[in-house]
Each structure stands twice: as C-alpha cells, then as structure tokens.
Amino acid sequence: MKDNDTKRLSRLTAILIQLQSTRLVTATGLAKKFSVSIRTIYRDIKALEQAGVPILQEEGKGYSLMEGYKVPPMMFSESEANALITLEQLVVKNSDHSLAKEYTAAMNKIKAVLLYSTKQKTALLAERIAVSHSISQTATSNSLSLIQQALTAFTVLKITYRPSQNGPVTERQIEPFALYYILQESWLVIAYCRLRNDYRMFRLDRILKVETLQEQFTPHKLTLQEYLLAKEKMFVTPDTPLS
C-alpha cells in the first residue's frame, strides 16, 4: 500500500469517528482538522458513502450519520486501555453507587473488544493498582446516574432533601444544571430550585429520595463558568452547598 493510500485510509477512519462522536460536522472543519483541501474532504465523504456508510447532508450546515447507525467498535491501543483501567480503580471507590455500577458495565464492554495480548496486560495492571485506604470507600449516594440523565434531557426532578445532619427535611422540585465534585467528599448537583427561586447546590449524599417528573424545563442560558465566577465574587467558594 502506498504512503498516500495509508494516509487516506487513516483520514477516512478518523472522519468516521468524528461523524460518530459529533452530531454535525462541516467540510471546512474537517479540512482544517486534517490539513487538506475542502475538495479532498468531499471525495472522502463520497468514498465513505460508496462503502455503505449512511451519511446525511444538511444543506448549508454539514454532515451527520443516519440515526441508529452504529460504527463497529474501534480497537483501543495499550496505553488507552491502561488509562481506562487506572480510572476504573478510582471510580469503583467513588462515593456514588450508580456511577460505579455504570462505569463497571461500560468497562466490561470495552474489555470484551480488547486484543488478547492487551487483555493480559490490562489484567496485570489492574492487579497492581491500589487506592489508599485514607480515601473513603463507602458509597454514600445512589442518584448520580439518574441526575445525569435528567440534566441532559432537561427533566425536572423532585427530591427529598436534608441540608444538614440534623436539619429539617424538605421536598423540592429542581432543574439540574451542572455537577460539581468536592475532592474525597461528595458529588453536588447545581440546580435551579423552584422552592427558593434561585440556583442552589445540593449534596447527593443528603438527598434522601429522588424522583423523575414527567415535566421538562427550558435549558438554562447561564454557563457553569459564569455560575462559578459569580460564586467567587460573592466570596462564597463553590464548595459551599447552599440550599
């Protein structure tokens, strides 16, 4: 295989990955990313279409993959697999049951597509990584996965919340906006609280019950960076879970 053919094959694979990971890509953006002409990208797209990849074109906007089309799993390099294995040891010690459960399920799928030689090495690495006992290994919440789904689907949540160990229990409807993690402590959900008519932080380990409501909210225009900056200007650190 000629060098030009090898480069083109690598580019076609990279374009396919880009299409799978991004809702919409443009010829101009791809040309800039791979340092080729827009005409070359047009030829690459056509080649992928001829190979059976269902690429849709939105006039004046860009390209996307047909809904439901799945690209066969890509092979992970040894270093990529090692990075995932290392993170696994930290996630399973995380303070939320649901996150550990979902990550373990995802890792099992990833391990299934690894080359046999890579599987052996990652298995050895997993046996040689330990997390200090000084880090709490007791999961204190089980709602992170549900809150993540509500956050991206713009769905209202009803929570039963105790702001402090001996504080009063209240029921609130919240609009999940962002997630924040206090190192070695707990996950916080930043949300618009309909009870307080303002943004508040809620510790997941103090949410006694959470329920997904059949109601959606309008996406927030405020960005996470703007929120955190506003907190700093109020001389309140983002780690203070106001509620």
Foldseek 3Di string as FASTA:
>chain_A
DDPVVVLLVVLLVVVVVVQVVDAFDALVRSCVVSVHDSVVSVVSVVVVVVVPFAWDADVPTGIHGDPPDDDPDDEDDLVRLLVLLQVLQVQQQDQEPQSNVVSVVVNVVNLVRYDPVSNVVSVVSNVVDHDDPVQHSHHLAHCPVVLVVCQVVQFKKWWFFAQDPPGDTDIWIWGFHDWDDDPSPFIWTWTQTPVVRGTFIGTRSGTPDMDTDPDGDDHDPDDPVNVQVVCVVVVHHPPDGGD
